[in-house]
Amino acid sequence: MAKLIECIPNFSEGRRSEVIEALVSEAQSVPGVILLDHSSDESHNRSVFTMVGSPEGIGEAAFRLAKKAAETIDLTKHTGEHPRMGAVDVVPFVPIQDVTMEDCITLSKQVAERVNSELGIPVFLYEESASAPERKNLAAIRKGQFEGMPEKLKDPKWQPDYGKAEIHPTAGVVAIGARAPLVAFNINLSTSDIQIANNIAKIIRESSGGLKYVKSIGVMLEDRNIAQVSINMCNYVKTPLYRVFELVRAEAARYGVQIIGSEIIGLTPMNALVDSAEYYLKLENFDSKVQVLENHLL
């Protein structure tokens, strides 16, 4: 079987179509790599790409995209609802087929070294590639964002894994690492009060004593004048989407607020959605491995 690694780079650009198109062209130009999906959000001012390919191809694509982002995105002029610290903000590698997590860790370090040495962008290793326990969590690394990063890097605890303790003047810093599959799941609320979204996000996320494997923040969608709970589901098997959805629904009701919609950003494993379908349809004696048609075809 062919070795396949997924890469999901996040870029701090979701508004300028010419920049997004340039990034798409760059991703599509690398042999052995398929751009499966890309999505952009103007409120977040962020784009998420999903690529899959051979270890060599996906590593090359990740580097080329980091280079293109550094050439076209200036964070000194960037505004958006989503936290960010780099033009290419985060580059995760996920094992898909006939590769191990260790393979992805090795690749992440190779790409990190190249991004720093050739582009001059400091790199933090995160998740499974992290060099210290406090660096596993992307939110901890990104705290302070682009504007606060120069001061943060003065702390010896936050020396980059690759590069000097000085941000790139326009491209900032980047987190690169290996991780398990993640579901980016956002829930929109029937309110323009961002504090309600912040309160709910705090209740549901693991770091504040909420659900395990859940990371969340409150975000204001200015173009729709609604608040959103933006969620990363780090283990959709142990903490399924429906459990998070129902907890958000219950907490929102305390404020007289309803859920008006939800969205998946990028691609998601089929079973993450099948689990929720099974829950809401109250399916009896259902076995997704046997009864889902696609499981017999893939």
Protein backbone atom coordinates (compact mmCIF):
# COMPACT_ATOMS: atom_id res chain seq x y z
CA MET A 1 0.00 0.00 0.00
CA ALA A 2 1.14 3.54 -0.73
CA LYS A 3 2.30 5.62 2.20
CA LEU A 4 -0.07 8.54 2.77
CA ILE A 5 0.13 11.51 5.12
CA GLU A 6 -2.49 14.21 5.52
CA CYS A 7 -1.47 17.83 6.04
CA ILE A 8 -3.88 20.58 7.08
CA PRO A 9 -2.08 23.94 6.97
CA ASN A 10 -3.95 26.98 8.30
CA PHE A 11 -3.28 30.37 6.73
CA SER A 12 -4.01 33.82 8.13
CA GLU A 13 -5.91 34.92 5.04
CA GLY A 14 -9.58 34.45 4.27
CA ARG A 15 -10.52 37.59 2.37
CA ARG A 16 -8.18 38.25 -0.54
CA SER A 17 -9.13 35.83 -3.28
CA GLU A 18 -5.93 36.40 -5.22
CA VAL A 19 -3.82 35.25 -2.27
CA ILE A 20 -6.01 32.21 -1.63
CA GLU A 21 -5.87 31.28 -5.33
CA ALA A 22 -2.07 31.59 -5.28
CA LEU A 23 -1.92 29.20 -2.33
CA VAL A 24 -4.26 26.77 -4.10
CA SER A 25 -2.07 26.84 -7.22
CA GLU A 26 1.01 26.18 -5.12
CA ALA A 27 -0.59 23.17 -3.44
CA GLN A 28 -1.74 21.75 -6.76
CA SER A 29 1.70 22.09 -8.32
CA VAL A 30 3.43 19.47 -6.18
CA PRO A 31 3.69 15.96 -7.68
CA GLY A 32 2.32 13.20 -5.49
CA VAL A 33 0.03 15.54 -3.55
CA ILE A 34 -3.74 15.99 -3.87
CA LEU A 35 -5.49 19.08 -2.52
CA LEU A 36 -8.68 17.50 -1.20
CA ASP A 37 -10.35 20.62 0.14
CA HIS A 38 -9.85 24.26 1.01
CA SER A 39 -12.17 26.60 2.86
CA SER A 40 -11.93 30.27 3.78
CA ASP A 41 -13.77 32.40 6.31
CA GLU A 42 -13.87 36.18 6.04
CA SER A 43 -14.79 36.79 9.68
CA HIS A 44 -11.97 34.57 10.90
CA ASN A 45 -9.78 35.85 8.03
CA ARG A 46 -8.38 32.37 7.79
CA SER A 47 -8.12 29.54 5.28
CA VAL A 48 -7.74 25.83 5.95
CA PHE A 49 -6.33 23.46 3.34
CA THR A 50 -6.50 19.66 3.42
CA MET A 51 -3.91 17.77 1.40
CA VAL A 52 -2.87 14.15 1.20
CA GLY A 53 0.16 12.60 -0.41
CA SER A 54 3.40 10.70 -0.06
CA PRO A 55 5.68 11.72 2.81
CA GLU A 56 8.12 13.34 0.38
CA GLY A 57 5.43 15.14 -1.58
CA ILE A 58 3.47 16.36 1.42
CA GLY A 59 6.64 17.69 3.05
CA GLU A 60 7.52 19.61 -0.10
CA ALA A 61 3.98 20.98 -0.41
CA ALA A 62 3.98 22.15 3.21
CA PHE A 63 7.24 24.02 2.67
CA ARG A 64 6.15 25.62 -0.60
CA LEU A 65 2.91 26.80 0.96
CA ALA A 66 4.75 28.26 3.94
CA LYS A 67 6.99 30.13 1.51
CA LYS A 68 4.06 31.43 -0.53
CA ALA A 69 2.23 32.52 2.62
CA ALA A 70 5.29 34.41 3.83
CA GLU A 71 5.50 36.17 0.47
CA THR A 72 1.84 37.18 0.29
CA ILE A 73 0.55 37.64 3.86
CA ASP A 74 1.62 40.53 6.09
CA LEU A 75 0.44 40.07 9.66
CA THR A 76 1.14 43.70 10.53
CA LYS A 77 -1.92 44.45 8.36
CA HIS A 78 -4.01 41.44 9.39
CA THR A 79 -7.26 41.55 11.34
CA GLY A 80 -9.66 38.71 12.05
CA GLU A 81 -11.62 36.94 14.75
CA HIS A 82 -9.44 33.83 14.91
CA PRO A 83 -6.26 33.87 17.03
CA ARG A 84 -3.10 33.79 14.91
CA MET A 85 0.65 34.11 15.25
CA GLY A 86 1.88 33.39 11.73
CA ALA A 87 1.13 33.90 8.05
CA VAL A 88 1.04 30.13 7.92
CA ASP A 89 -0.20 29.66 11.45
CA VAL A 90 -0.08 25.93 12.03
CA VAL A 91 1.00 22.93 9.95
CA PRO A 92 -0.15 19.54 11.28
CA PHE A 93 0.78 16.17 9.78
CA VAL A 94 -1.59 13.22 10.30
CA PRO A 95 -0.80 9.56 9.56
CA ILE A 96 -3.33 8.10 7.11
CA GLN A 97 -2.03 4.92 5.47
CA ASP A 98 1.01 2.72 6.04
CA VAL A 99 2.78 5.38 8.11
CA THR A 100 3.19 5.80 11.85
CA MET A 101 2.93 8.78 14.14
CA GLU A 102 6.71 8.58 14.47
CA ASP A 103 7.00 9.00 10.70
CA CYS A 104 4.92 12.16 10.94
CA ILE A 105 6.99 13.47 13.84
CA THR A 106 10.15 12.98 11.79
CA LEU A 107 8.60 14.74 8.81
CA SER A 108 7.39 17.64 10.95
CA LYS A 109 10.92 18.23 12.23
CA GLN A 110 12.36 18.09 8.72
CA VAL A 111 9.86 20.66 7.47
CA ALA A 112 10.35 22.82 10.57
CA GLU A 113 14.11 22.93 10.05
CA ARG A 114 13.68 23.92 6.42
CA VAL A 115 11.04 26.58 7.13
CA ASN A 116 13.38 28.21 9.60
CA SER A 117 16.65 27.87 7.71
CA GLU A 118 15.30 28.90 4.29
CA LEU A 119 12.49 31.30 5.21
CA GLY A 120 13.74 32.73 8.49
CA ILE A 121 10.50 31.92 10.31
CA PRO A 122 10.86 30.66 13.90
CA VAL A 123 9.12 27.33 14.50
CA PHE A 124 7.52 25.74 17.55
CA LEU A 125 6.96 21.99 17.52
CA TYR A 126 3.56 21.04 18.96
CA GLU A 127 1.27 18.10 19.74
CA GLU A 128 3.10 14.75 19.31
CA SER A 129 6.22 16.55 18.06
CA ALA A 130 6.40 18.86 21.09
CA SER A 131 9.76 19.24 22.80
CA ALA A 132 8.15 19.87 26.20
CA PRO A 133 4.75 19.06 27.77
CA GLU A 134 3.69 22.72 27.85
CA ARG A 135 4.18 22.92 24.09
CA LYS A 136 1.74 20.16 23.13
CA ASN A 137 -1.22 22.54 23.25
CA LEU A 138 -1.34 24.94 20.30
CA ALA A 139 -3.33 27.47 22.31
CA ALA A 140 -0.50 27.74 24.85
CA ILE A 141 2.04 28.39 22.12
CA ARG A 142 -0.17 30.90 20.32
CA LYS A 143 -1.13 32.84 23.46
CA GLY A 144 -0.19 36.47 22.93
CA GLN A 145 -0.65 36.09 19.18
CA PHE A 146 1.48 37.90 16.60
CA GLU A 147 1.48 41.21 18.43
CA GLY A 148 2.55 39.75 21.77
CA MET A 149 5.03 37.20 20.43
CA PRO A 150 8.17 39.43 20.49
CA GLU A 151 7.77 39.90 24.24
CA LYS A 152 6.87 36.25 24.79
CA LEU A 153 10.03 35.05 23.04
CA LYS A 154 12.16 36.92 25.57
CA ASP A 155 11.15 34.27 28.11
CA PRO A 156 13.66 31.37 27.95
CA LYS A 157 10.70 29.02 28.44
CA TRP A 158 9.39 30.08 25.03
CA GLN A 159 12.50 29.89 22.90
CA PRO A 160 11.50 28.52 19.47
CA ASP A 161 12.51 24.95 18.68
CA TYR A 162 14.01 26.21 15.44
CA GLY A 163 15.37 29.71 14.98
CA LYS A 164 16.25 32.75 17.02
CA ALA A 165 13.93 34.32 19.57
CA GLU A 166 12.86 36.94 17.04
CA ILE A 167 9.68 36.81 14.99
CA HIS A 168 9.71 37.18 11.24
CA PRO A 169 8.67 40.85 10.78
CA THR A 170 5.62 40.06 8.63
CA ALA A 171 5.16 36.27 8.76
CA GLY A 172 5.48 35.87 12.54
CA VAL A 173 6.07 32.35 13.84
CA VAL A 174 4.55 28.96 13.05
CA ALA A 175 3.65 25.76 14.89
CA ILE A 176 4.46 22.50 13.10
CA GLY A 177 3.79 19.02 14.42
CA ALA A 178 2.22 15.60 14.15
CA ARG A 179 -1.20 14.79 15.56
CA ALA A 180 -4.18 12.46 15.36
CA PRO A 181 -7.19 13.35 13.19
CA LEU A 182 -9.12 16.38 14.44
CA VAL A 183 -12.60 17.69 13.67
CA ALA A 184 -13.01 21.47 13.40
CA PHE A 185 -16.59 22.00 14.51
CA ASN A 186 -18.28 25.39 14.96
CA ILE A 187 -21.67 26.08 16.56
CA ASN A 188 -23.54 29.31 15.80
CA LEU A 189 -25.76 30.96 18.40
CA SER A 190 -28.85 33.15 18.14
CA THR A 191 -27.14 36.06 19.85
CA SER A 192 -24.67 38.83 19.10
CA ASP A 193 -23.35 38.72 22.67
CA ILE A 194 -19.80 37.38 22.38
CA GLN A 195 -19.59 36.97 26.15
CA ILE A 196 -22.21 34.22 26.01
CA ALA A 197 -20.11 32.33 23.46
CA ASN A 198 -17.00 32.88 25.60
CA ASN A 199 -18.79 31.55 28.68
CA ILE A 200 -20.01 28.45 26.87
CA ALA A 201 -16.58 27.82 25.34
CA LYS A 202 -15.02 27.98 28.79
CA ILE A 203 -17.52 25.48 30.20
CA ILE A 204 -17.09 22.87 27.46
CA ARG A 205 -13.30 22.91 26.95
CA GLU A 206 -11.04 20.47 28.73
CA SER A 207 -8.56 23.08 29.96
CA SER A 208 -11.31 24.72 32.04
CA GLY A 209 -12.65 21.46 33.47
CA GLY A 210 -15.06 20.62 30.66
CA LEU A 211 -15.18 17.76 28.20
CA LYS A 212 -11.98 15.84 27.57
CA TYR A 213 -10.35 16.28 24.14
CA VAL A 214 -12.24 19.53 23.49
CA LYS A 215 -10.68 22.93 22.77
CA SER A 216 -12.97 25.91 22.25
CA ILE A 217 -13.16 29.69 22.05
CA GLY A 218 -15.89 32.24 21.49
CA VAL A 219 -15.81 34.08 18.17
CA MET A 220 -17.88 36.96 16.80
CA LEU A 221 -19.02 36.61 13.18
CA GLU A 222 -19.25 40.28 12.29
CA ASP A 223 -20.69 39.68 8.82
CA ARG A 224 -23.67 37.82 10.33
CA ASN A 225 -23.78 39.65 13.67
CA ILE A 226 -23.85 36.38 15.60
CA ALA A 227 -21.61 34.75 18.18
CA GLN A 228 -20.02 31.38 17.56
CA VAL A 229 -18.46 28.68 19.69
CA SER A 230 -15.44 27.54 17.68
CA ILE A 231 -14.36 24.03 18.64
CA ASN A 232 -11.54 21.61 17.94
CA MET A 233 -12.53 18.01 18.62
CA CYS A 234 -9.22 16.29 19.33
CA ASN A 235 -10.67 12.81 19.80
CA TYR A 236 -14.12 12.44 18.23
CA VAL A 237 -14.32 8.78 19.30
CA LYS A 238 -13.95 9.38 23.03
CA THR A 239 -15.84 12.69 22.96
CA PRO A 240 -18.31 12.58 20.06
CA LEU A 241 -19.76 15.61 18.29
CA TYR A 242 -23.29 15.06 19.57
CA ARG A 243 -22.13 15.25 23.19
CA VAL A 244 -20.53 18.63 22.61
CA PHE A 245 -23.54 19.83 20.62
CA GLU A 246 -25.96 18.89 23.39
CA LEU A 247 -23.84 20.52 26.09
CA VAL A 248 -23.64 23.73 24.08
CA ARG A 249 -27.42 23.58 23.56
CA ALA A 250 -28.03 23.18 27.29
CA GLU A 251 -25.65 25.96 28.29
CA ALA A 252 -27.05 28.33 25.64
CA ALA A 253 -30.57 27.73 26.93
CA ARG A 254 -29.54 29.17 30.29
CA TYR A 255 -29.19 32.53 28.51
CA GLY A 256 -32.36 32.13 26.47
CA VAL A 257 -30.21 31.47 23.39
CA GLN A 258 -30.66 28.78 20.74
CA ILE A 259 -28.31 27.01 18.35
CA ILE A 260 -29.10 28.26 14.84
CA GLY A 261 -26.59 26.13 12.97
CA SER A 262 -23.27 24.36 12.99
CA GLU A 263 -20.49 23.72 10.51
CA ILE A 264 -17.56 21.44 9.83
CA ILE A 265 -14.39 23.16 8.62
CA GLY A 266 -12.39 21.15 6.14
CA LEU A 267 -12.71 17.38 5.94
CA THR A 268 -13.86 15.06 8.68
CA PRO A 269 -13.74 11.29 9.21
CA MET A 270 -17.01 9.65 8.20
CA ASN A 271 -17.42 7.93 11.55
CA ALA A 272 -17.49 11.28 13.35
CA LEU A 273 -20.77 12.03 11.57
CA VAL A 274 -22.12 8.47 11.64
CA ASP A 275 -21.87 8.46 15.44
CA SER A 276 -24.05 11.57 15.64
CA ALA A 277 -26.55 10.20 13.13
CA GLU A 278 -26.81 7.03 15.19
CA TYR A 279 -27.44 9.07 18.33
CA TYR A 280 -30.07 11.44 16.95
CA LEU A 281 -31.91 8.77 14.94
CA LYS A 282 -31.92 6.48 17.98
CA LEU A 283 -30.83 3.58 15.80
CA GLU A 284 -31.18 0.19 17.44
CA ASN A 285 -28.64 -2.61 16.97
CA PHE A 286 -26.79 -0.49 14.42
CA ASP A 287 -23.27 -1.52 13.38
CA SER A 288 -21.63 1.14 11.23
CA LYS A 289 -18.86 -1.21 10.12
CA VAL A 290 -21.43 -3.54 8.60
CA GLN A 291 -24.35 -1.28 7.69
CA VAL A 292 -22.66 1.78 6.19
CA LEU A 293 -22.33 1.21 2.46
CA GLU A 294 -19.13 3.22 2.07
CA ASN A 295 -17.33 0.98 4.56
CA HIS A 296 -17.62 -1.85 2.04
CA LEU A 297 -16.31 0.28 -0.82
CA LEU A 298 -13.36 2.12 0.70
